[in-house]
Amino acid sequence: MYKFILILIIVTLSGSLCAQSKTRPPAVAGSFYASDPTKLTRDLEFLFSHALPPKTNGTLLAVIAPHAGYPYSGEVAATSYKQADPKKNYKNIFLLGNSHRFAFPGAAIYASGNYQTPLGEVKVSTELASKLIEENDVFIEHNRAHLEEHSLEVQLPFLQYYLEKDFQIVPILLGTSSESFARKLAGVLKPYLNEDNLFIISADFSHYPEYSDANTVDMNTARAICSNDVAYFLTALKQNEEKNIPNLATSACAWPSILTLLHMTQDDREHLKYELIRYQNSGDTRMGDKSRVVGYCSIAVSMQDSKNTQKQNKFMLSNEDKKTLLEIARNTMDSYIRKGNIYSVDQNSYSNSLQTHTGAFVTLHKNGKLRGCIGRFQPDKSLCEVVRDMAISASTKDYRFKPVEPGELDEIELEISVLTPLQKITNPEEIKLGEHGIYIKEGSKSGTFLPQVATQTGWNLEEFLGHCARDKAGIGWDGWKEADLYIYEAVIFTEEDFHHK
């Protein structure tokens, strides 16, 4: 009897161990990409030969890559991978995508074994995967979702072909479209966003509009992503939806995964840079139908060298600094509009960053619409004093609006943009929409647009410059061509950013 029990225990343990080591077979080989290893290798060779070369400066931390069939999105995907150093030995490669077939709470990590493709087996970092599941309630095991999902699988042959060192992956599928969950997931994953690892966000962009509409929608979405700002990304998605474009099903099928990445990066805009490397849609391919397309973007996220970033960023703002500036602006408006008093600012009681002399804009919104915006470049006062003064000006001196009434104060949402020093440029192509603000000066006339204006309006570069020259500087649509051009960046934050924290 004891021998039988012992045998039973051994068999049970053996079966359990086998269950914990199940290699996931390819699900879409033969449809999304070739199932024959020789043909797949030839296809990848072709795609990489047509991919754009490395364009990023600094250390690559993450890429956004499409996940459609290789004949449609393969060149864009190969461009994403070509931004990486093929000789680098990555500790882990995190793959994030959204489940297309199953909805479930949380994010599912495949921790039961490795992934298989026609090019061989891809090792899963099962130890780390299991650790993440055990220690964080955002993660679950949902192997069936992985077994039938294509978005992570199609990335693997690119890695197998391109990387020269052995690598292991952490495959993560999101089963929910909750904004709050994306923020929570980002908090867990952020410690792994460093030079030792690579994050791959698997996402296609617009689904099913006609060709020209796709170009407009996808550029709006890409600019918002490259601004490294959660709020503007969500605004861009909403703007795209409100345009009621025929057949537009989504601006990005894996937007929660993109949102997760943005939540990991937006607090370090000084050092982390997003860059759109390549855009195409299925209508650009030989087999594509321009009446109904899907958009694809290659976007890279890199950590900039501190010597380069120091030239444009003399200081950093902590979350406490941002909260303090918002409080100053809010208290200033309450005091000035309700009582006619100017709020007292004791700059010596604030951090060194808030005592720095630098420019800032204060923007007011009411019910989602602009209610006032005034700022100042290169002031002779400290940042905390500039924000106080601009809060008064934005609420009472913007000629486009009537002064804010006391009864409106509770409906006003504050946004502050702290500016980096102006940098003169000679080529307008140096302007990166969504990242750079512009300042145009011709004689005594001047005008500016903050970086987020390009994202909010969806303007292209010519429109961005033309509107600023005509509407802000008053020198005509083409006046910028003869004017002095300057760019700057902005650290942007709102009261809403801290209501969710």
Foldseek 3Di string as FASTA:
>chain_A
DVVVVVVVVVVVVVVVLLQLADEQEDQQDVPLADQAPVVRLVLLVVLLVLADAADDAFFFQEKEWEQGRCLQGVNQRSNLVNNHDQADAAAEEEEEFAQPPAADQAKAWNQRHWYAGSVGTAAAPNVVLVVCVVPDVRYDHDVVSVNNGRQRVSSVVSSVNRHPDHYHYTYMYHRDDDLLSLLVVLVSCLVVRDNRYYYYYYKWFWFWAFQVLLVLLQLLLLLQLQLLDLVLNVLSQVVNVVVCGPPGPGGMPGVSSSSSVSSSPSQPPLFKGKDWDDKDWSCVGPPRDRRTIIIITIMIIHGHDPVVSCVFDVDHADPVNVVVLQVLLLVQCLCCQVPNDGDDDDQVVDDPQQFDQAKKKKWKDFPNHTAFIDIDGRDPGGNSVRSSVNSCCRQPPRVVHHHDHPVCSVRIWMKMWTKTHKDWDDDLVVDRALFKKKWWDDPPFIFIDARCVCSNVSDDSLVNQQCRVCVGRNQHSCSRNPTTMIIIGISMDIPVVPVSD
